C-alpha atoms as a PDB file:
ATOM      1  CA  UNK A   1      -0.022  -0.139  -0.033  1.00  0.00           C
ATOM      2  CA  UNK A   2       1.405   3.447  -0.633  1.00  0.00           C
ATOM      3  CA  UNK A   3       2.601   5.483   2.135  1.00  0.00           C
ATOM      4  CA  UNK A   4       1.711   9.003   3.373  1.00  0.00           C
ATOM      5  CA  UNK A   5       4.954  10.645   1.789  1.00  0.00           C
ATOM      6  CA  UNK A   6       4.005   9.037  -1.699  1.00  0.00           C
ATOM      7  CA  UNK A   7       0.793  10.666  -1.310  1.00  0.00           C
ATOM      8  CA  UNK A   8       1.897  13.988  -0.314  1.00  0.00           C
ATOM      9  CA  UNK A   9       4.499  13.925  -3.388  1.00  0.00           C
ATOM     10  CA  UNK A  10       1.673  13.001  -5.677  1.00  0.00           C
ATOM     11  CA  UNK A  11      -0.266  16.029  -4.316  1.00  0.00           C
ATOM     12  CA  UNK A  12       2.675  18.238  -4.844  1.00  0.00           C
ATOM     13  CA  UNK A  13       3.061  16.832  -8.542  1.00  0.00           C
ATOM     14  CA  UNK A  14      -0.606  17.957  -9.100  1.00  0.00           C
ATOM     15  CA  UNK A  15       0.043  21.157  -7.355  1.00  0.00           C
ATOM     16  CA  UNK A  16       2.984  22.299  -9.579  1.00  0.00           C
ATOM     17  CA  UNK A  17       1.013  21.040 -12.750  1.00  0.00           C
ATOM     18  CA  UNK A  18      -2.484  22.409 -12.208  1.00  0.00           C
ATOM     19  CA  UNK A  19      -2.928  24.770  -9.476  1.00  0.00           C
ATOM     20  CA  UNK A  20      -3.520  28.392 -10.545  1.00  0.00           C
ATOM     21  CA  UNK A  21      -4.717  27.217 -13.982  1.00  0.00           C
ATOM     22  CA  UNK A  22      -8.101  26.922 -15.406  1.00  0.00           C
ATOM     23  CA  UNK A  23      -9.481  23.514 -16.677  1.00  0.00           C
ATOM     24  CA  UNK A  24      -9.844  23.729 -20.524  1.00  0.00           C
ATOM     25  CA  UNK A  25     -11.424  20.079 -20.467  1.00  0.00           C
ATOM     26  CA  UNK A  26     -12.142  17.035 -18.324  1.00  0.00           C
ATOM     27  CA  UNK A  27     -13.130  13.478 -18.730  1.00  0.00           C
ATOM     28  CA  UNK A  28     -14.107  10.834 -16.223  1.00  0.00           C
ATOM     29  CA  UNK A  29     -13.972   6.962 -17.081  1.00  0.00           C
ATOM     30  CA  UNK A  30     -15.892   5.956 -14.158  1.00  0.00           C
ATOM     31  CA  UNK A  31     -19.916   5.877 -14.259  1.00  0.00           C
ATOM     32  CA  UNK A  32     -20.906   7.826 -11.527  1.00  0.00           C
ATOM     33  CA  UNK A  33     -19.016  10.761 -12.754  1.00  0.00           C
ATOM     34  CA  UNK A  34     -19.049  10.020 -16.543  1.00  0.00           C
ATOM     35  CA  UNK A  35     -21.560  13.022 -17.307  1.00  0.00           C
ATOM     36  CA  UNK A  36     -19.382  15.829 -15.121  1.00  0.00           C
ATOM     37  CA  UNK A  37     -17.831  18.436 -17.007  1.00  0.00           C
ATOM     38  CA  UNK A  38     -15.294  20.602 -15.086  1.00  0.00           C
ATOM     39  CA  UNK A  39     -14.340  22.806 -18.139  1.00  0.00           C
ATOM     40  CA  UNK A  40     -13.626  26.419 -16.943  1.00  0.00           C
ATOM     41  CA  UNK A  41     -13.241  25.460 -13.361  1.00  0.00           C
ATOM     42  CA  UNK A  42     -10.026  27.093 -11.629  1.00  0.00           C
ATOM     43  CA  UNK A  43      -7.848  24.657  -9.781  1.00  0.00           C
ATOM     44  CA  UNK A  44      -7.355  26.159  -6.250  1.00  0.00           C
ATOM     45  CA  UNK A  45      -5.586  23.668  -4.207  1.00  0.00           C
ATOM     46  CA  UNK A  46      -4.051  20.093  -4.055  1.00  0.00           C
ATOM     47  CA  UNK A  47      -3.442  18.625  -0.890  1.00  0.00           C
ATOM     48  CA  UNK A  48      -2.965  15.154   0.781  1.00  0.00           C
ATOM     49  CA  UNK A  49      -4.655  13.899   3.763  1.00  0.00           C
ATOM     50  CA  UNK A  50      -3.008  10.893   4.795  1.00  0.00           C
ATOM     51  CA  UNK A  51      -3.408   8.462   1.837  1.00  0.00           C
ATOM     52  CA  UNK A  52      -6.349  10.555   0.222  1.00  0.00           C
ATOM     53  CA  UNK A  53      -5.925  13.195  -2.210  1.00  0.00           C
ATOM     54  CA  UNK A  54      -7.887  16.325  -2.715  1.00  0.00           C
ATOM     55  CA  UNK A  55      -8.082  18.596  -5.516  1.00  0.00           C
ATOM     56  CA  UNK A  56     -10.154  21.731  -4.731  1.00  0.00           C
ATOM     57  CA  UNK A  57     -11.722  23.681  -7.625  1.00  0.00           C
ATOM     58  CA  UNK A  58     -13.857  26.558  -7.964  1.00  0.00           C
ATOM     59  CA  UNK A  59     -16.274  26.195 -11.193  1.00  0.00           C
ATOM     60  CA  UNK A  60     -17.094  29.134 -13.388  1.00  0.00           C
ATOM     61  CA  UNK A  61     -20.357  29.429 -11.506  1.00  0.00           C
ATOM     62  CA  UNK A  62     -18.632  30.145  -8.142  1.00  0.00           C
ATOM     63  CA  UNK A  63     -19.045  26.537  -6.730  1.00  0.00           C
ATOM     64  CA  UNK A  64     -16.339  25.151  -4.495  1.00  0.00           C
ATOM     65  CA  UNK A  65     -15.798  21.307  -5.501  1.00  0.00           C
ATOM     66  CA  UNK A  66     -13.198  18.841  -4.192  1.00  0.00           C
ATOM     67  CA  UNK A  67     -12.128  15.819  -6.372  1.00  0.00           C
ATOM     68  CA  UNK A  68     -11.397  13.157  -4.013  1.00  0.00           C
ATOM     69  CA  UNK A  69      -9.104  10.218  -4.902  1.00  0.00           C
ATOM     70  CA  UNK A  70      -7.403   7.336  -3.269  1.00  0.00           C
ATOM     71  CA  UNK A  71      -4.350   5.477  -4.646  1.00  0.00           C
ATOM     72  CA  UNK A  72      -4.526   2.183  -2.721  1.00  0.00           C
ATOM     73  CA  UNK A  73      -1.974  -0.298  -4.231  1.00  0.00           C
ATOM     74  CA  UNK A  74      -1.726   0.596  -7.665  1.00  0.00           C
ATOM     75  CA  UNK A  75      -3.247   4.229  -8.241  1.00  0.00           C
ATOM     76  CA  UNK A  76      -1.280   7.073  -9.670  1.00  0.00           C
ATOM     77  CA  UNK A  77      -1.455  10.625 -10.824  1.00  0.00           C
ATOM     78  CA  UNK A  78       0.969  11.954 -13.579  1.00  0.00           C
ATOM     79  CA  UNK A  79       1.098  15.224 -15.165  1.00  0.00           C
ATOM     80  CA  UNK A  80       2.349  15.446 -18.993  1.00  0.00           C
ATOM     81  CA  UNK A  81       3.214  18.213 -21.328  1.00  0.00           C
ATOM     82  CA  UNK A  82       2.571  18.531 -24.940  1.00  0.00           C
ATOM     83  CA  UNK A  83       3.477  15.393 -27.077  1.00  0.00           C
ATOM     84  CA  UNK A  84       4.343  13.010 -23.837  1.00  0.00           C
ATOM     85  CA  UNK A  85       3.011   9.547 -23.996  1.00  0.00           C
ATOM     86  CA  UNK A  86       0.503   8.694 -21.121  1.00  0.00           C
ATOM     87  CA  UNK A  87       2.650   5.614 -20.244  1.00  0.00           C
ATOM     88  CA  UNK A  88       2.664   5.248 -16.450  1.00  0.00           C
ATOM     89  CA  UNK A  89       0.103   2.753 -16.521  1.00  0.00           C
ATOM     90  CA  UNK A  90      -2.008   0.842 -19.424  1.00  0.00           C
ATOM     91  CA  UNK A  91      -4.522   2.929 -21.059  1.00  0.00           C
ATOM     92  CA  UNK A  92      -7.683   1.043 -20.031  1.00  0.00           C
ATOM     93  CA  UNK A  93      -6.749   1.937 -16.002  1.00  0.00           C
ATOM     94  CA  UNK A  94      -7.272   5.482 -16.636  1.00  0.00           C
ATOM     95  CA  UNK A  95     -10.152   6.923 -14.752  1.00  0.00           C
ATOM     96  CA  UNK A  96      -9.637  10.660 -15.046  1.00  0.00           C
ATOM     97  CA  UNK A  97      -8.179  13.199 -17.734  1.00  0.00           C
ATOM     98  CA  UNK A  98      -7.958  17.055 -16.687  1.00  0.00           C
ATOM     99  CA  UNK A  99      -6.744  19.306 -19.342  1.00  0.00           C
ATOM    100  CA  UNK A 100      -5.529  22.837 -18.228  1.00  0.00           C
ATOM    101  CA  UNK A 101      -3.681  24.420 -21.362  1.00  0.00           C
ATOM    102  CA  UNK A 102      -0.513  22.732 -22.136  1.00  0.00           C
ATOM    103  CA  UNK A 103      -0.450  20.475 -18.842  1.00  0.00           C
ATOM    104  CA  UNK A 104      -2.875  17.226 -18.749  1.00  0.00           C
ATOM    105  CA  UNK A 105      -3.165  15.423 -15.490  1.00  0.00           C
ATOM    106  CA  UNK A 106      -3.859  11.792 -15.654  1.00  0.00           C
ATOM    107  CA  UNK A 107      -5.428   9.448 -12.953  1.00  0.00           C
ATOM    108  CA  UNK A 108      -4.620   5.823 -13.269  1.00  0.00           C
ATOM    109  CA  UNK A 109      -6.367   3.115 -11.405  1.00  0.00           C
ATOM    110  CA  UNK A 110      -7.661   5.556  -8.933  1.00  0.00           C
ATOM    111  CA  UNK A 111     -10.053   4.229  -6.053  1.00  0.00           C
ATOM    112  CA  UNK A 112     -12.830   6.083  -4.209  1.00  0.00           C
ATOM    113  CA  UNK A 113     -13.049   8.769  -6.914  1.00  0.00           C
ATOM    114  CA  UNK A 114     -15.720  11.292  -6.037  1.00  0.00           C
ATOM    115  CA  UNK A 115     -16.705  15.113  -6.537  1.00  0.00           C
ATOM    116  CA  UNK A 116     -18.153  16.569  -3.489  1.00  0.00           C
ATOM    117  CA  UNK A 117     -18.880  20.239  -2.332  1.00  0.00           C
ATOM    118  CA  UNK A 118     -15.368  21.318  -0.456  1.00  0.00           C
ATOM    119  CA  UNK A 119     -17.509  22.121   2.689  1.00  0.00           C
ATOM    120  CA  UNK A 120     -18.495  18.541   2.858  1.00  0.00           C
ATOM    121  CA  UNK A 121     -14.862  17.016   2.524  1.00  0.00           C
ATOM    122  CA  UNK A 122     -14.904  16.018   6.159  1.00  0.00           C
ATOM    123  CA  UNK A 123     -17.443  13.023   5.474  1.00  0.00           C
ATOM    124  CA  UNK A 124     -14.724  11.613   3.301  1.00  0.00           C
ATOM    125  CA  UNK A 125     -11.588  12.208   5.462  1.00  0.00           C
ATOM    126  CA  UNK A 126     -13.064  13.313   8.753  1.00  0.00           C
ATOM    127  CA  UNK A 127     -12.635   9.650  10.278  1.00  0.00           C
ATOM    128  CA  UNK A 128      -8.953   9.819   9.704  1.00  0.00           C
ATOM    129  CA  UNK A 129      -6.371  10.338  12.757  1.00  0.00           C
ATOM    130  CA  UNK A 130      -3.883  13.074  12.992  1.00  0.00           C
ATOM    131  CA  UNK A 131      -1.824  13.295   9.529  1.00  0.00           C
ATOM    132  CA  UNK A 132       1.993  12.476   9.893  1.00  0.00           C
ATOM    133  CA  UNK A 133       2.762  15.196   7.273  1.00  0.00           C
ATOM    134  CA  UNK A 134      -0.107  17.509   7.834  1.00  0.00           C
ATOM    135  CA  UNK A 135      -0.386  20.774   9.746  1.00  0.00           C
ATOM    136  CA  UNK A 136      -2.714  19.027  12.120  1.00  0.00           C
ATOM    137  CA  UNK A 137      -0.132  16.399  13.266  1.00  0.00           C
ATOM    138  CA  UNK A 138      -0.651  15.838  17.057  1.00  0.00           C
ATOM    139  CA  UNK A 139       1.294  12.767  18.509  1.00  0.00           C
ATOM    140  CA  UNK A 140      -0.562  13.126  21.745  1.00  0.00           C
ATOM    141  CA  UNK A 141      -3.829  12.665  20.032  1.00  0.00           C
ATOM    142  CA  UNK A 142      -2.423   9.870  17.801  1.00  0.00           C
ATOM    143  CA  UNK A 143      -1.112   8.163  21.152  1.00  0.00           C
ATOM    144  CA  UNK A 144      -4.530   8.480  22.520  1.00  0.00           C
ATOM    145  CA  UNK A 145      -6.121   6.882  19.521  1.00  0.00           C
ATOM    146  CA  UNK A 146      -3.800   4.099  19.405  1.00  0.00           C
ATOM    147  CA  UNK A 147      -4.423   3.147  22.888  1.00  0.00           C
ATOM    148  CA  UNK A 148      -8.291   3.026  22.696  1.00  0.00           C
ATOM    149  CA  UNK A 149      -7.912  -0.833  22.028  1.00  0.00           C
ATOM    150  CA  UNK A 150      -5.094  -1.774  24.163  1.00  0.00           C
ATOM    151  CA  UNK A 151      -5.359  -5.570  23.087  1.00  0.00           C
ATOM    152  CA  UNK A 152      -4.928  -4.702  19.296  1.00  0.00           C
ATOM    153  CA  UNK A 153      -1.486  -5.921  17.700  1.00  0.00           C
ATOM    154  CA  UNK A 154       0.632  -2.993  16.971  1.00  0.00           C
ATOM    155  CA  UNK A 155       1.188  -3.547  13.573  1.00  0.00           C
ATOM    156  CA  UNK A 156      -2.439  -3.501  12.752  1.00  0.00           C
ATOM    157  CA  UNK A 157      -2.989  -0.530  14.920  1.00  0.00           C
ATOM    158  CA  UNK A 158      -0.390   1.529  13.095  1.00  0.00           C
ATOM    159  CA  UNK A 159      -2.159   0.745   9.806  1.00  0.00           C
ATOM    160  CA  UNK A 160      -5.430   1.792  10.905  1.00  0.00           C
ATOM    161  CA  UNK A 161      -5.771   5.331   9.531  1.00  0.00           C
ATOM    162  CA  UNK A 162      -8.459   5.998  12.172  1.00  0.00           C
ATOM    163  CA  UNK A 163      -5.523   6.371  14.679  1.00  0.00           C
ATOM    164  CA  UNK A 164      -2.872   7.962  12.762  1.00  0.00           C
ATOM    165  CA  UNK A 165      -2.942   8.810   8.737  1.00  0.00           C
ATOM    166  CA  UNK A 166      -0.145   7.910   6.444  1.00  0.00           C
ATOM    167  CA  UNK A 167       1.516   4.837   7.725  1.00  0.00           C
ATOM    168  CA  UNK A 168       1.680   1.926   5.260  1.00  0.00           C
ATOM    169  CA  UNK A 169       3.440  -1.321   5.281  1.00  0.00           C
ATOM    170  CA  UNK A 170       7.036  -0.132   4.889  1.00  0.00           C
ATOM    171  CA  UNK A 171       6.981   2.380   7.717  1.00  0.00           C
ATOM    172  CA  UNK A 172       5.071   0.059   9.844  1.00  0.00           C
ATOM    173  CA  UNK A 173       7.887  -2.697   9.408  1.00  0.00           C
ATOM    174  CA  UNK A 174      10.655  -0.349   9.820  1.00  0.00           C
ATOM    175  CA  UNK A 175       9.743   1.684  12.915  1.00  0.00           C
ATOM    176  CA  UNK A 176       8.808  -1.659  14.662  1.00  0.00           C
ATOM    177  CA  UNK A 177      12.418  -3.013  13.534  1.00  0.00           C
ATOM    178  CA  UNK A 178      14.165   0.259  14.690  1.00  0.00           C
ATOM    179  CA  UNK A 179      12.440   0.096  18.086  1.00  0.00           C
ATOM    180  CA  UNK A 180      12.835  -3.735  18.662  1.00  0.00           C
ATOM    181  CA  UNK A 181       9.057  -4.315  18.630  1.00  0.00           C
ATOM    182  CA  UNK A 182       7.604  -7.619  17.848  1.00  0.00           C
ATOM    183  CA  UNK A 183       4.790  -6.922  15.350  1.00  0.00           C
ATOM    184  CA  UNK A 184       2.129  -8.626  17.261  1.00  0.00           C
ATOM    185  CA  UNK A 185       2.809  -6.780  20.589  1.00  0.00           C
ATOM    186  CA  UNK A 186      -0.514  -5.536  21.984  1.00  0.00           C
ATOM    187  CA  UNK A 187      -0.599  -1.755  21.925  1.00  0.00           C
ATOM    188  CA  UNK A 188      -0.905  -1.549  25.624  1.00  0.00           C
ATOM    189  CA  UNK A 189       2.383  -3.596  25.913  1.00  0.00           C
ATOM    190  CA  UNK A 190       4.605  -1.344  23.652  1.00  0.00           C
ATOM    191  CA  UNK A 191       7.248   0.077  25.638  1.00  0.00           C
ATOM    192  CA  UNK A 192       7.432   4.216  25.112  1.00  0.00           C
ATOM    193  CA  UNK A 193       4.474   4.396  22.494  1.00  0.00           C
ATOM    194  CA  UNK A 194       5.129   8.124  22.242  1.00  0.00           C
ATOM    195  CA  UNK A 195       8.691   7.594  21.091  1.00  0.00           C
ATOM    196  CA  UNK A 196       7.424   4.914  18.398  1.00  0.00           C
ATOM    197  CA  UNK A 197       4.797   7.544  17.085  1.00  0.00           C
ATOM    198  CA  UNK A 198       7.521  10.187  16.998  1.00  0.00           C
ATOM    199  CA  UNK A 199      10.003   8.062  15.086  1.00  0.00           C
ATOM    200  CA  UNK A 200       7.322   7.184  12.621  1.00  0.00           C
ATOM    201  CA  UNK A 201       6.673  10.847  11.827  1.00  0.00           C
ATOM    202  CA  UNK A 202      10.212  11.625  11.414  1.00  0.00           C
ATOM    203  CA  UNK A 203      10.848   8.928   9.119  1.00  0.00           C
ATOM    204  CA  UNK A 204       7.895  10.106   6.746  1.00  0.00           C
ATOM    205  CA  UNK A 205       9.047  13.596   7.212  1.00  0.00           C
ATOM    206  CA  UNK A 206      12.552  12.730   6.089  1.00  0.00           C
ATOM    207  CA  UNK A 207      11.499  11.404   3.018  1.00  0.00           C
ATOM    208  CA  UNK A 208       9.068  13.921   2.043  1.00  0.00           C
ATOM    209  CA  UNK A 209       9.808  15.431  -1.537  1.00  0.00           C
ATOM    210  CA  UNK A 210      11.561  12.571  -3.062  1.00  0.00           C
ATOM    211  CA  UNK A 211      10.287   9.324  -4.667  1.00  0.00           C
ATOM    212  CA  UNK A 212      13.154   7.065  -3.189  1.00  0.00           C
ATOM    213  CA  UNK A 213      12.153   6.155   0.532  1.00  0.00           C
ATOM    214  CA  UNK A 214      14.996   5.206   2.779  1.00  0.00           C
ATOM    215  CA  UNK A 215      15.001   4.331   6.547  1.00  0.00           C
ATOM    216  CA  UNK A 216      18.739   3.317   6.546  1.00  0.00           C
ATOM    217  CA  UNK A 217      19.896   6.714   5.102  1.00  0.00           C
ATOM    218  CA  UNK A 218      21.317   5.068   1.803  1.00  0.00           C
ATOM    219  CA  UNK A 219      19.575   5.694  -1.380  1.00  0.00           C
ATOM    220  CA  UNK A 220      21.515   2.710  -3.200  1.00  0.00           C
ATOM    221  CA  UNK A 221      19.275   0.211  -4.529  1.00  0.00           C
ATOM    222  CA  UNK A 222      18.954  -2.811  -1.989  1.00  0.00           C
ATOM    223  CA  UNK A 223      20.077  -0.561   0.817  1.00  0.00           C
ATOM    224  CA  UNK A 224      17.358   1.431   1.487  1.00  0.00           C
ATOM    225  CA  UNK A 225      15.285  -0.637   4.128  1.00  0.00           C
ATOM    226  CA  UNK A 226      16.211  -2.592   7.422  1.00  0.00           C
ATOM    227  CA  UNK A 227      13.718  -5.338   6.917  1.00  0.00           C
ATOM    228  CA  UNK A 228      10.781  -4.382   4.330  1.00  0.00           C
ATOM    229  CA  UNK A 229      11.008  -6.370   1.190  1.00  0.00           C
ATOM    230  CA  UNK A 230      14.168  -8.282   2.725  1.00  0.00           C
ATOM    231  CA  UNK A 231      12.589 -11.903   3.444  1.00  0.00           C
ATOM    232  CA  UNK A 232      15.144 -14.518   4.173  1.00  0.00           C
ATOM    233  CA  UNK A 233      17.973 -11.948   3.757  1.00  0.00           C
ATOM    234  CA  UNK A 234      20.400 -11.392   6.910  1.00  0.00           C
ATOM    235  CA  UNK A 235      19.398  -8.621   9.262  1.00  0.00           C
ATOM    236  CA  UNK A 236      21.413  -5.536   8.970  1.00  0.00           C
ATOM    237  CA  UNK A 237      22.030  -5.697  12.769  1.00  0.00           C
ATOM    238  CA  UNK A 238      22.404  -9.503  13.569  1.00  0.00           C
ATOM    239  CA  UNK A 239      22.432 -11.521  10.518  1.00  0.00           C
ATOM    240  CA  UNK A 240      19.538 -13.474  11.371  1.00  0.00           C
ATOM    241  CA  UNK A 241      17.207 -14.378   8.363  1.00  0.00           C
ATOM    242  CA  UNK A 242      14.419 -11.683   7.733  1.00  0.00           C
ATOM    243  CA  UNK A 243      10.984 -12.999   8.174  1.00  0.00           C
ATOM    244  CA  UNK A 244       7.681 -12.489   6.534  1.00  0.00           C
ATOM    245  CA  UNK A 245       4.299 -12.825   7.224  1.00  0.00           C
ATOM    246  CA  UNK A 246       0.886 -12.335   5.347  1.00  0.00           C
ATOM    247  CA  UNK A 247       0.061 -11.166   1.553  1.00  0.00           C
ATOM    248  CA  UNK A 248      -1.142  -8.365  -0.263  1.00  0.00           C
ATOM    249  CA  UNK A 249      -1.674  -5.065   1.667  1.00  0.00           C
ATOM    250  CA  UNK A 250      -1.295  -6.718   5.018  1.00  0.00           C
ATOM    251  CA  UNK A 251       2.265  -7.740   4.790  1.00  0.00           C
ATOM    252  CA  UNK A 252       4.895  -7.788   7.759  1.00  0.00           C
ATOM    253  CA  UNK A 253       8.649  -8.221   7.664  1.00  0.00           C
ATOM    254  CA  UNK A 254      10.607  -8.396  10.909  1.00  0.00           C
ATOM    255  CA  UNK A 255      13.852  -9.785  12.559  1.00  0.00           C
ATOM    256  CA  UNK A 256      12.948 -12.665  14.975  1.00  0.00           C
ATOM    257  CA  UNK A 257      16.073 -12.054  16.788  1.00  0.00           C
ATOM    258  CA  UNK A 258      16.062  -8.276  17.172  1.00  0.00           C
ATOM    259  CA  UNK A 259      12.225  -8.164  17.641  1.00  0.00           C
ATOM    260  CA  UNK A 260      11.598 -11.222  19.665  1.00  0.00           C
ATOM    261  CA  UNK A 261       8.116 -12.388  20.772  1.00  0.00           C
ATOM    262  CA  UNK A 262       7.473 -12.043  24.451  1.00  0.00           C
ATOM    263  CA  UNK A 263       5.975 -15.437  24.267  1.00  0.00           C
ATOM    264  CA  UNK A 264       6.186 -18.458  21.982  1.00  0.00           C
ATOM    265  CA  UNK A 265       4.803 -17.697  18.562  1.00  0.00           C
END
């Protein structure tokens, strides 16, 4: 699943390509929005909220609207100039095309695509916890939300966007390794939960503004993570083989020696 810094960077791409411009054409390739035409709307703002994207518009008639999208596992937005090929994903995955003069924003494989009055954005993102990369970041509130269910496994709790918004599998695995926490430890038993939350925020913020994510400090291929994506490879700390559990969007990597189970697992 995408991480909050990836979504933040995507919002920046749309900001640089569209904000301050007027749409000269639009096309939606999803049934619920197929008849919508945003031609003439001014692009006011592009921002991320956790893993959600919001593109704020003002129509020629003065209505404030927000185009909401979610990238999930495979979604992407790209902005193209004149003559550039739309080759980020297969053409059949295109869900929306927004034209603004010589710039064209193309949304591939987007999920939860919707257009709502800007005043109603909260019904789409109001359930989210504090955004690790947002102006509303509140570590104390994040800790409070995490501890509402002290029996929840810490790995699952960190992925629950209602607790704090922006952590995906990569940062979940890496922060737990760096803190020496077994991924199935109940939240109520995690030592120094505020320290863990603070580290997660610092890791995301460190990678904000670039597409190569690193938690080790190295940008070299194969050296960017401690445990994530490294099943059966030697731990960088103790040389024990890295373990992996789960599939799809709920995958966990950890070092059994550096992150031992408090009880037999």
